[in-house]
Amino acid sequence: MAVRILIPTPLRAFTGQQAEIRLDGHNVGELLENLVARYGELRQHLFTPDGKLRSFVNIYVNDNDIRYLEKERTPIGETDTLSIIPSVAGGAPGSPTTAPEPRTATPVDSLPTLSNDEVRRYSRHLIMPEVGVEGQRRLKAAKVLCVGAGGLGSPASLYLAAAGVGTLGLVDFDTVDFSNLQRQVLYDTADVGRSKLGAAKARLTGLNPEVNVVTHETALKSSNALEILGQYDVIVDGADNFPTRYLVNDACVLLGKPNAYGSIFRFDGQASVFAVKGGPCYRCLYPEPPPPGLVPSCAEGGVLGVLPGVIGTIQATEAIKLIVGAGEPLVGRLLLFDALRMSFRTLTLRRDPTCPVCGDAPTVNALIDYEQFCGITPGAQVTDPAALPADQEATVEELKSLLDRRDIWLLDVREPREFEICRIPGSTLIPLGELPKRLDEVPQGADAPDIIVHCKSGVRSAKAVKLLREHGITRAKNLKGGILAWIDRIDPSLPKY
């Protein structure tokens, strides 16, 4: 009895890029075991070393979370679909069937009035019964914070400003890089090297001078999150890392602020609304973060340039709906977008009564150290699991010297698309995902040359060196800083990406 399994983009590297697989199995556990038996490299991403399903991976049968069915014993038939939903980085009912109360509960008489210019600007809103004059006045009174002014924050902030949100806050501390321009539509080429918030404020104010753009040019931390988020009515989470993601979630729950969540990776996107009274929070979906380095970032795995436009616009839409009290927000629902299939799916989310943040007896009553939390082991220093001792690493200067003497075998573990962009002369390409099956191509034995392994920045190659040494290839070393360091210090003629 073959059952359809949907493989998300982050895990397709381990299934030969297959997005859909059919395997036999009578229940979820049996099906997953058959899956990892066929694709062995998936095991560490789905299961802990002691065989338990990882807490940052959710399994759905059709649109139901197996945690609220029979877990791995959930029966499954040939007409069912099993979906794997990892974090990228549940019992309340689903979303309401009637329009929610407006987030800004200011009495109508106390709302700011609209000028003649604003009436002209927002006329297409004003003639909609779901918005109208009152809704537009609520938007003018509202305060929305975008956490991150990057891929998701760019479209979200543009549409929130255009919609007439009265106060629009931005939190970021980065500068504009050339690589941002492919997707971060807040910026143009002239902004490269400039503070993101300085450029963003100018762009948003130019789009709508009626909006008060407030910038917080700082890293969001436990020490300042409650103060910053507490000034706003709705939070739009455009974070690109797990510590900030959990920090925003916990702060929103503690403050009672709705969190319009979005995340993206390659061709896949997710969106939901968390921390609304009675609804789930992000920890109900993903109780714990993945170990550092296990889930690739967009910088490592890439992202389709238009994808954050789709998801960021959905986040802005949810924020506007919450403010004006229109429609059914994504509370208790997880929206999944697959750009390759051009498909949207909605899965049911439930509030977890045992959740340490929003559950019936919460144990997290104050913000914690989220860097430490995302290091998985409580009380331990956050360390990269791929970190290597100094004697297992080489600098780009040492590599240059070895190449000049032709006394080296250089292994590139990036993906073929990256290899096409730039390469170090003389390197051999074996992508990290293929390396376990191609170990016989790596020089071994007493007469084998020294091996230097590199990737883009040194993270994937460190994993490769560990793998090689575990298989007795002890002459392998990692290139610190990867090809980016090579370009910076040895060969600046190569293009950076």
Protein backbone atom coordinates (compact mmCIF):
# COMPACT_ATOMS: atom_id res chain seq x y z
CA MET A 1 0.00 0.00 0.00
CA ALA A 2 1.96 3.04 -1.29
CA VAL A 3 1.41 6.29 0.60
CA ARG A 4 2.35 9.73 -0.71
CA ILE A 5 5.04 11.55 1.32
CA LEU A 6 5.72 15.24 0.65
CA ILE A 7 9.37 16.19 1.15
CA PRO A 8 10.06 19.88 1.98
CA THR A 9 12.76 21.78 0.14
CA PRO A 10 15.37 21.68 2.98
CA LEU A 11 15.30 17.86 2.99
CA ARG A 12 15.23 17.20 -0.75
CA ALA A 13 19.02 17.20 -0.89
CA PHE A 14 18.81 13.83 0.89
CA THR A 15 16.15 12.31 -1.40
CA GLY A 16 17.75 13.00 -4.76
CA GLN A 17 15.78 16.28 -5.03
CA GLN A 18 12.49 14.37 -5.05
CA ALA A 19 9.58 16.45 -3.75
CA GLU A 20 7.19 13.50 -3.54
CA ILE A 21 7.87 9.89 -2.65
CA ARG A 22 5.56 6.89 -2.41
CA LEU A 23 6.38 4.17 0.10
CA ASP A 24 4.55 1.34 1.82
CA GLY A 25 3.51 1.58 5.46
CA HIS A 26 0.46 0.97 7.62
CA ASN A 27 1.16 3.72 10.16
CA VAL A 28 3.28 6.86 10.42
CA GLY A 29 6.15 5.23 12.31
CA GLU A 30 6.45 2.40 9.81
CA LEU A 31 6.34 4.82 6.91
CA LEU A 32 9.06 7.04 8.39
CA GLU A 33 11.28 4.04 9.12
CA ASN A 34 10.91 2.91 5.52
CA LEU A 35 11.74 6.43 4.39
CA VAL A 36 15.01 6.69 6.36
CA ALA A 37 15.90 3.11 5.42
CA ARG A 38 15.83 4.16 1.77
CA TYR A 39 17.40 7.59 2.34
CA GLY A 40 19.82 7.08 5.22
CA GLU A 41 21.00 10.67 5.45
CA LEU A 42 17.48 11.75 6.40
CA ARG A 43 17.66 9.91 9.71
CA GLN A 44 19.65 12.53 11.62
CA HIS A 45 17.23 15.23 10.42
CA LEU A 46 14.09 13.36 11.50
CA PHE A 47 15.21 11.37 14.54
CA THR A 48 17.38 11.92 17.60
CA PRO A 49 20.28 9.50 18.19
CA ASP A 50 18.03 7.47 20.50
CA GLY A 51 15.37 7.10 17.83
CA LYS A 52 12.81 9.70 18.91
CA LEU A 53 11.16 12.02 16.40
CA ARG A 54 12.86 15.41 16.62
CA SER A 55 10.87 18.18 18.29
CA PHE A 56 11.62 20.69 15.51
CA VAL A 57 10.06 18.42 12.88
CA ASN A 58 6.29 18.13 12.67
CA ILE A 59 4.51 15.31 10.88
CA TYR A 60 1.04 15.79 9.45
CA VAL A 61 -1.38 13.25 8.03
CA ASN A 62 -3.43 15.29 5.60
CA ASP A 63 -3.93 18.51 7.61
CA ASN A 64 -3.74 16.97 11.10
CA ASP A 65 -0.71 17.03 13.39
CA ILE A 66 0.07 13.47 14.52
CA ARG A 67 0.81 14.77 18.03
CA TYR A 68 -2.96 15.07 18.42
CA LEU A 69 -3.77 11.78 16.72
CA GLU A 70 -1.94 8.61 17.70
CA LYS A 71 1.58 9.96 17.08
CA GLU A 72 3.79 7.43 15.26
CA ARG A 73 1.05 4.81 15.67
CA THR A 74 -1.36 6.91 13.59
CA PRO A 75 -2.77 4.63 10.87
CA ILE A 76 -2.36 5.78 7.30
CA GLY A 77 -4.00 4.68 4.06
CA GLU A 78 -3.20 4.95 0.39
CA THR A 79 -5.49 7.99 -0.02
CA ASP A 80 -3.69 9.89 2.76
CA THR A 81 -0.77 12.28 2.43
CA LEU A 82 2.06 12.48 4.94
CA SER A 83 3.77 15.89 5.18
CA ILE A 84 7.08 16.61 6.89
CA ILE A 85 7.20 20.19 8.23
CA PRO A 86 10.62 21.13 9.69
CA SER A 87 11.45 24.51 11.21
CA VAL A 88 13.35 26.72 8.70
CA ALA A 89 15.05 29.51 11.62
CA GLY A 90 -0.33 22.37 19.58
CA GLY A 91 -5.75 22.65 22.59
CA ALA A 92 -7.38 25.72 21.23
CA PRO A 93 -9.77 25.59 18.27
CA GLY A 94 -8.67 26.84 14.86
CA SER A 95 -9.20 30.33 13.51
CA PRO A 96 -12.45 32.08 14.32
CA THR A 97 -15.32 32.00 11.86
CA THR A 98 -16.30 35.61 12.53
CA ALA A 99 -14.30 38.79 12.19
CA PRO A 100 -12.01 39.35 15.20
CA GLU A 101 -12.15 42.38 17.41
CA PRO A 102 -9.82 45.13 16.15
CA ARG A 103 -6.39 44.92 17.74
CA THR A 104 -6.43 48.67 18.46
CA ALA A 105 -9.39 48.84 20.83
CA THR A 106 -9.42 52.64 20.87
CA PRO A 107 -13.00 54.01 20.92
CA VAL A 108 -14.05 55.28 17.52
CA ASP A 109 -14.45 58.84 18.79
CA SER A 110 -10.84 58.84 19.97
CA LEU A 111 -9.34 57.61 16.68
CA PRO A 112 -7.34 60.12 14.62
CA THR A 113 -9.22 61.73 11.76
CA LEU A 114 -8.20 61.54 8.11
CA SER A 115 -7.04 64.59 6.21
CA ASN A 116 -8.30 65.32 2.69
CA ASP A 117 -4.98 64.08 1.29
CA GLU A 118 -5.33 60.85 3.28
CA VAL A 119 -8.87 60.34 2.01
CA ARG A 120 -7.54 60.58 -1.55
CA ARG A 121 -4.57 58.32 -0.78
CA TYR A 122 -6.62 55.59 0.89
CA SER A 123 -9.80 55.91 -1.19
CA ARG A 124 -9.64 52.29 -2.37
CA HIS A 125 -9.66 51.19 1.27
CA LEU A 126 -12.42 53.56 2.29
CA ILE A 127 -14.95 52.17 -0.17
CA MET A 128 -14.42 48.61 1.11
CA PRO A 129 -16.97 47.66 3.77
CA GLU A 130 -14.36 45.54 5.59
CA VAL A 131 -12.13 48.61 6.07
CA GLY A 132 -14.05 51.83 5.53
CA VAL A 133 -13.30 55.10 7.27
CA GLU A 134 -13.23 53.54 10.73
CA GLY A 135 -10.81 50.82 9.65
CA GLN A 136 -8.52 53.34 8.02
CA ARG A 137 -8.56 55.45 11.15
CA ARG A 138 -7.62 52.35 13.14
CA LEU A 139 -4.70 51.78 10.77
CA LYS A 140 -3.60 55.37 11.34
CA ALA A 141 -3.77 54.84 15.12
CA ALA A 142 -1.92 51.51 14.96
CA LYS A 143 1.71 50.81 15.74
CA VAL A 144 3.37 47.86 13.96
CA LEU A 145 6.93 46.63 14.45
CA CYS A 146 8.84 44.75 11.76
CA VAL A 147 11.60 42.63 13.29
CA GLY A 148 14.18 42.61 10.52
CA ALA A 149 14.40 44.88 7.50
CA GLY A 150 15.54 42.17 5.10
CA GLY A 151 13.77 39.77 2.77
CA LEU A 152 10.51 39.54 4.71
CA GLY A 153 10.65 42.96 6.33
CA SER A 154 11.08 44.71 2.98
CA PRO A 155 7.72 43.84 1.37
CA ALA A 156 5.91 43.82 4.71
CA SER A 157 7.04 47.32 5.62
CA LEU A 158 6.37 48.70 2.14
CA TYR A 159 2.78 47.48 2.14
CA LEU A 160 2.16 48.48 5.74
CA ALA A 161 3.42 51.98 4.98
CA ALA A 162 1.35 52.16 1.82
CA ALA A 163 -1.71 50.95 3.77
CA GLY A 164 -1.39 53.86 6.19
CA VAL A 165 -0.19 52.25 9.42
CA GLY A 166 0.40 55.33 11.57
CA THR A 167 3.58 54.22 13.31
CA LEU A 168 5.87 51.70 11.65
CA GLY A 169 8.86 50.45 13.65
CA LEU A 170 11.88 48.65 12.23
CA VAL A 171 14.51 46.67 14.14
CA ASP A 172 17.78 45.88 12.35
CA PHE A 173 21.47 46.68 12.67
CA ASP A 174 22.83 45.54 9.30
CA THR A 175 24.10 47.39 6.24
CA VAL A 176 22.92 46.88 2.66
CA ASP A 177 24.96 44.33 0.71
CA PHE A 178 24.89 43.65 -3.04
CA SER A 179 23.56 40.15 -2.33
CA ASN A 180 20.49 41.70 -0.62
CA LEU A 181 19.25 43.39 -3.78
CA GLN A 182 17.97 40.16 -5.33
CA ARG A 183 15.08 40.06 -2.84
CA GLN A 184 15.17 43.01 -0.42
CA VAL A 185 13.06 45.44 -2.42
CA LEU A 186 13.38 48.26 0.12
CA TYR A 187 16.83 49.05 -1.27
CA ASP A 188 18.51 49.93 -4.54
CA THR A 189 22.07 49.82 -5.80
CA ALA A 190 22.89 53.26 -4.44
CA ASP A 191 22.12 52.01 -0.93
CA VAL A 192 24.89 49.37 -0.88
CA GLY A 193 27.09 49.95 2.16
CA ARG A 194 24.49 52.16 3.79
CA SER A 195 22.68 51.44 7.04
CA LYS A 196 19.57 49.42 6.23
CA LEU A 197 17.42 51.44 8.59
CA GLY A 198 18.61 54.76 7.20
CA ALA A 199 17.83 53.65 3.66
CA ALA A 200 14.54 52.03 4.72
CA LYS A 201 13.30 55.12 6.52
CA ALA A 202 13.99 57.28 3.48
CA ARG A 203 12.20 54.86 1.16
CA LEU A 204 9.16 54.38 3.40
CA THR A 205 8.81 58.07 4.15
CA GLY A 206 9.04 58.79 0.45
CA LEU A 207 6.30 56.23 -0.21
CA ASN A 208 4.00 57.65 2.46
CA PRO A 209 5.05 60.78 4.39
CA GLU A 210 1.98 60.37 6.62
CA VAL A 211 3.63 57.37 8.34
CA ASN A 212 5.90 57.84 11.35
CA VAL A 213 8.83 55.49 10.73
CA VAL A 214 10.65 54.65 13.96
CA THR A 215 14.02 52.92 13.70
CA HIS A 216 15.67 50.74 16.35
CA GLU A 217 19.21 50.24 15.07
CA THR A 218 20.22 47.52 17.47
CA ALA A 219 20.30 43.78 17.83
CA LEU A 220 17.10 42.53 19.45
CA LYS A 221 18.09 40.88 22.75
CA SER A 222 16.49 39.66 25.92
CA SER A 223 17.60 42.87 27.60
CA ASN A 224 15.73 45.18 25.21
CA ALA A 225 13.00 43.09 23.54
CA LEU A 226 10.21 43.79 26.03
CA GLU A 227 10.89 47.51 25.97
CA ILE A 228 10.94 47.69 22.16
CA LEU A 229 8.06 45.30 21.39
CA GLY A 230 5.98 46.78 24.19
CA GLN A 231 5.61 50.03 22.24
CA TYR A 232 3.66 48.34 19.41
CA ASP A 233 0.28 46.72 18.79
CA VAL A 234 1.29 44.02 16.28
CA ILE A 235 4.67 42.40 15.63
CA VAL A 236 5.76 41.19 12.18
CA ASP A 237 8.47 38.54 12.62
CA GLY A 238 10.96 38.68 9.75
CA ALA A 239 13.84 37.16 11.73
CA ASP A 240 16.44 35.10 9.89
CA ASN A 241 17.80 33.08 12.82
CA PHE A 242 16.39 30.82 15.50
CA PRO A 243 17.49 32.73 18.63
CA THR A 244 15.63 35.84 17.46
CA ARG A 245 12.66 33.76 16.35
CA TYR A 246 12.20 32.26 19.82
CA LEU A 247 12.93 35.60 21.49
CA VAL A 248 10.19 37.34 19.47
CA ASN A 249 7.74 34.54 20.19
CA ASP A 250 8.29 34.56 23.94
CA ALA A 251 8.23 38.35 24.16
CA CYS A 252 4.96 38.46 22.20
CA VAL A 253 3.35 35.92 24.52
CA LEU A 254 4.55 37.72 27.66
CA LEU A 255 3.34 41.07 26.32
CA GLY A 256 0.12 39.78 24.77
CA LYS A 257 1.13 41.05 21.31
CA PRO A 258 0.05 39.13 18.17
CA ASN A 259 2.95 37.85 16.10
CA ALA A 260 2.54 37.73 12.29
CA TYR A 261 5.10 35.01 11.54
CA GLY A 262 6.81 34.16 8.27
CA SER A 263 9.78 32.06 7.20
CA ILE A 264 11.34 31.20 3.85
CA PHE A 265 13.85 28.78 2.33
CA ARG A 266 14.61 28.22 -1.34
CA PHE A 267 11.11 27.77 -2.84
CA ASP A 268 9.16 27.12 0.38
CA GLY A 269 7.43 29.57 2.70
CA GLN A 270 5.43 29.41 5.92
CA ALA A 271 3.10 31.93 7.57
CA SER A 272 0.89 31.99 10.65
CA VAL A 273 -0.29 34.27 13.46
CA PHE A 274 0.94 33.39 16.93
CA ALA A 275 0.43 34.67 20.47
CA VAL A 276 -3.22 35.64 20.05
CA LYS A 277 -5.26 34.89 23.20
CA GLY A 278 -6.40 31.26 23.12
CA GLY A 279 -4.27 30.43 20.08
CA PRO A 280 -0.91 28.66 19.71
CA CYS A 281 2.52 30.22 19.79
CA TYR A 282 5.63 29.35 17.78
CA ARG A 283 6.77 26.96 20.52
CA CYS A 284 3.53 24.98 20.13
CA LEU A 285 4.65 24.33 16.55
CA TYR A 286 8.37 23.87 17.23
CA PRO A 287 9.04 23.32 20.96
CA GLU A 288 12.82 23.32 20.45
CA PRO A 289 15.17 24.68 17.80
CA PRO A 290 17.31 22.40 15.65
CA PRO A 291 20.94 21.95 16.65
CA PRO A 292 23.17 24.74 15.29
CA GLY A 293 24.27 24.04 11.74
CA LEU A 294 21.73 21.29 11.02
CA VAL A 295 19.30 23.56 9.16
CA PRO A 296 21.01 25.61 6.40
CA SER A 297 20.41 29.34 6.22
CA CYS A 298 19.28 31.18 3.11
CA ALA A 299 22.91 32.28 2.70
CA GLU A 300 23.89 28.60 2.45
CA GLY A 301 20.86 27.13 0.71
CA GLY A 302 19.60 30.11 -1.27
CA VAL A 303 16.14 31.59 -1.65
CA LEU A 304 14.04 32.48 -4.69
CA GLY A 305 14.06 36.27 -4.90
CA VAL A 306 10.29 36.68 -5.15
CA LEU A 307 9.51 34.23 -2.32
CA PRO A 308 9.92 36.76 0.54
CA GLY A 309 7.65 39.06 -1.46
CA VAL A 310 4.88 36.48 -1.29
CA ILE A 311 5.33 35.60 2.39
CA GLY A 312 6.12 39.14 3.58
CA THR A 313 2.99 40.42 1.87
CA ILE A 314 0.96 37.72 3.62
CA GLN A 315 2.43 38.87 6.95
CA ALA A 316 1.45 42.47 6.17
CA THR A 317 -2.05 41.28 5.22
CA GLU A 318 -2.44 39.47 8.54
CA ALA A 319 -1.26 42.53 10.46
CA ILE A 320 -3.79 44.75 8.67
CA LYS A 321 -6.62 42.27 9.28
CA LEU A 322 -5.77 42.17 12.98
CA ILE A 323 -5.77 45.96 13.20
CA VAL A 324 -9.07 46.57 11.45
CA GLY A 325 -10.78 43.42 12.75
CA ALA A 326 -11.54 41.93 9.32
CA GLY A 327 -11.71 38.34 8.10
CA GLU A 328 -10.17 35.24 9.63
CA PRO A 329 -6.52 35.63 10.67
CA LEU A 330 -4.12 32.71 10.49
CA VAL A 331 -4.59 31.89 14.17
CA GLY A 332 -4.49 28.13 14.66
CA ARG A 333 -3.44 27.59 11.07
CA LEU A 334 -0.08 27.17 9.33
CA LEU A 335 0.00 28.32 5.72
CA LEU A 336 2.52 26.50 3.52
CA PHE A 337 3.55 27.87 0.13
CA ASP A 338 5.45 25.83 -2.47
CA ALA A 339 6.54 28.14 -5.28
CA LEU A 340 7.71 25.26 -7.48
CA ARG A 341 4.24 23.72 -7.48
CA MET A 342 2.55 27.12 -7.07
CA SER A 343 0.44 25.61 -4.32
CA PHE A 344 -0.87 26.78 -0.96
CA ARG A 345 -1.82 24.39 1.83
CA THR A 346 -3.24 25.13 5.26
CA LEU A 347 -2.55 22.84 8.21
CA THR A 348 -4.28 22.94 11.58
CA LEU A 349 -2.27 24.19 14.58
CA ARG A 350 -3.34 23.76 18.17
CA ARG A 351 -2.26 25.44 21.34
CA ASP A 352 -0.23 23.01 23.41
CA PRO A 353 -1.55 23.06 27.01
CA THR A 354 1.91 21.92 28.16
CA CYS A 355 3.76 24.67 26.25
CA PRO A 356 6.29 26.29 28.60
CA VAL A 357 5.38 29.77 27.34
CA CYS A 358 1.67 29.87 26.47
CA GLY A 359 0.44 26.66 28.14
CA ASP A 360 -1.84 26.22 31.13
CA ALA A 361 1.07 26.30 33.58
CA PRO A 362 3.86 28.25 31.85
CA THR A 363 7.37 27.88 33.20
CA VAL A 364 8.93 30.65 31.07
CA ASN A 365 7.79 33.85 32.75
CA ALA A 366 10.70 36.02 31.68
CA LEU A 367 12.98 36.21 28.67
CA ILE A 368 15.92 33.82 28.73
CA ASP A 369 19.31 33.51 27.05
CA TYR A 370 18.19 32.52 23.54
CA GLU A 371 21.68 31.95 22.19
CA GLN A 372 22.15 29.39 24.91
CA PHE A 373 18.67 27.96 24.36
CA CYS A 374 19.43 27.42 20.69
CA GLY A 375 22.62 25.63 21.65
CA ILE A 376 20.18 22.87 22.81
CA THR A 377 22.08 21.81 25.97
CA PRO A 378 20.83 23.94 28.89
CA GLY A 379 23.64 25.72 30.69
CA ALA A 380 26.22 24.91 28.05
CA GLN A 381 28.11 27.38 25.96
CA VAL A 382 26.77 27.62 22.44
CA THR A 383 29.18 25.80 20.17
CA ASP A 384 29.07 24.91 16.53
CA PRO A 385 28.81 21.09 16.32
CA ALA A 386 30.99 21.25 13.20
CA ALA A 387 33.79 23.22 14.93
CA LEU A 388 37.22 21.65 14.55
CA PRO A 389 40.45 21.86 16.55
CA ALA A 390 43.11 24.18 15.18
CA ASP A 391 45.28 21.35 13.85
CA GLN A 392 42.43 20.26 11.56
CA GLU A 393 42.14 23.63 9.84
CA ALA A 394 44.22 25.52 7.28
CA THR A 395 44.32 29.18 6.29
CA VAL A 396 43.97 30.37 2.72
CA GLU A 397 47.62 31.45 2.79
CA GLU A 398 48.66 27.92 3.72
CA LEU A 399 46.48 26.56 0.91
CA LYS A 400 48.11 28.95 -1.58
CA SER A 401 51.54 27.71 -0.56
CA LEU A 402 50.50 24.07 -0.90
CA LEU A 403 48.94 24.68 -4.32
CA ASP A 404 52.09 26.42 -5.52
CA ARG A 405 54.02 23.25 -4.58
CA ARG A 406 51.28 21.07 -6.18
CA ASP A 407 51.31 19.02 -2.98
CA ILE A 408 47.62 18.97 -2.16
CA TRP A 409 44.23 17.50 -3.10
CA LEU A 410 41.59 20.19 -2.89
CA LEU A 411 37.99 19.08 -2.29
CA ASP A 412 35.07 21.46 -2.89
CA VAL A 413 31.87 20.31 -1.11
CA ARG A 414 29.58 23.08 -2.38
CA GLU A 415 26.69 22.53 -4.76
CA PRO A 416 27.23 22.46 -8.56
CA ARG A 417 25.46 25.82 -8.96
CA GLU A 418 27.97 27.41 -6.58
CA PHE A 419 30.87 25.74 -8.38
CA GLU A 420 29.72 27.40 -11.61
CA ILE A 421 29.87 30.85 -9.98
CA CYS A 422 33.49 30.60 -8.86
CA ARG A 423 36.04 27.97 -7.98
CA ILE A 424 39.59 27.62 -6.72
CA PRO A 425 41.74 26.24 -9.57
CA GLY A 426 42.51 22.56 -9.21
CA SER A 427 39.59 21.73 -6.93
CA THR A 428 37.46 18.60 -7.23
CA LEU A 429 33.72 18.95 -6.69
CA ILE A 430 31.87 16.44 -4.51
CA PRO A 431 28.80 18.06 -2.89
CA LEU A 432 28.51 17.41 0.84
CA GLY A 433 25.27 15.49 0.41
CA GLU A 434 26.97 13.07 -2.01
CA LEU A 435 30.21 12.65 -0.09
CA PRO A 436 29.20 9.59 2.01
CA LYS A 437 28.51 7.67 -1.20
CA ARG A 438 31.63 8.89 -3.00
CA LEU A 439 34.32 8.33 -0.40
CA ASP A 440 36.15 6.03 -2.78
CA GLU A 441 36.95 9.08 -4.94
CA VAL A 442 38.93 10.67 -2.10
CA PRO A 443 42.67 9.83 -2.01
CA GLN A 444 43.45 7.41 0.79
CA GLY A 445 46.39 5.38 2.00
CA ALA A 446 49.98 6.06 3.03
CA ASP A 447 50.91 7.76 -0.25
CA ALA A 448 47.82 9.98 -0.36
CA PRO A 449 48.45 13.74 -0.43
CA ASP A 450 47.20 16.13 2.18
CA ILE A 451 43.55 17.05 1.66
CA ILE A 452 42.07 20.52 2.08
CA VAL A 453 38.27 20.73 2.05
CA HIS A 454 36.42 23.94 1.38
CA CYS A 455 32.92 25.32 0.89
CA LYS A 456 31.59 28.89 0.78
CA SER A 457 32.45 29.93 4.35
CA GLY A 458 33.85 26.85 6.12
CA VAL A 459 30.72 25.43 7.77
CA ARG A 460 29.85 22.62 5.36
CA SER A 461 33.50 21.76 4.79
CA ALA A 462 34.01 21.34 8.55
CA LYS A 463 31.23 18.73 8.51
CA ALA A 464 32.93 17.07 5.55
CA VAL A 465 36.27 16.91 7.39
CA LYS A 466 34.58 15.26 10.37
CA LEU A 467 33.00 12.71 8.05
CA LEU A 468 36.30 11.97 6.30
CA ARG A 469 38.17 11.54 9.57
CA GLU A 470 35.46 9.23 10.90
CA HIS A 471 36.19 7.04 7.87
CA GLY A 472 39.94 6.98 8.49
CA ILE A 473 40.92 9.79 6.12
CA THR A 474 42.91 11.66 8.74
CA ARG A 475 44.91 13.93 6.43
CA ALA A 476 41.85 16.07 5.72
CA LYS A 477 41.75 19.67 6.93
CA ASN A 478 39.12 22.40 6.68
CA LEU A 479 39.79 25.69 4.88
CA LYS A 480 38.97 28.45 7.38
CA GLY A 481 36.63 31.01 5.89
CA GLY A 482 36.05 28.98 2.73
CA ILE A 483 36.23 30.39 -0.77
CA LEU A 484 35.06 33.78 0.52
CA ALA A 485 38.30 34.10 2.50
CA TRP A 486 40.24 32.95 -0.58
CA ILE A 487 38.64 35.73 -2.64
CA ASP A 488 39.27 38.35 0.05
CA ARG A 489 42.90 37.51 0.68
CA ILE A 490 44.26 35.58 -2.30
CA ASP A 491 42.29 36.09 -5.51
CA PRO A 492 39.93 39.10 -5.51
CA SER A 493 39.31 38.63 -9.24
CA LEU A 494 36.80 35.88 -8.45
CA PRO A 495 33.15 36.93 -7.98
CA LYS A 496 31.69 36.78 -4.46
CA TYR A 497 28.17 35.52 -3.87
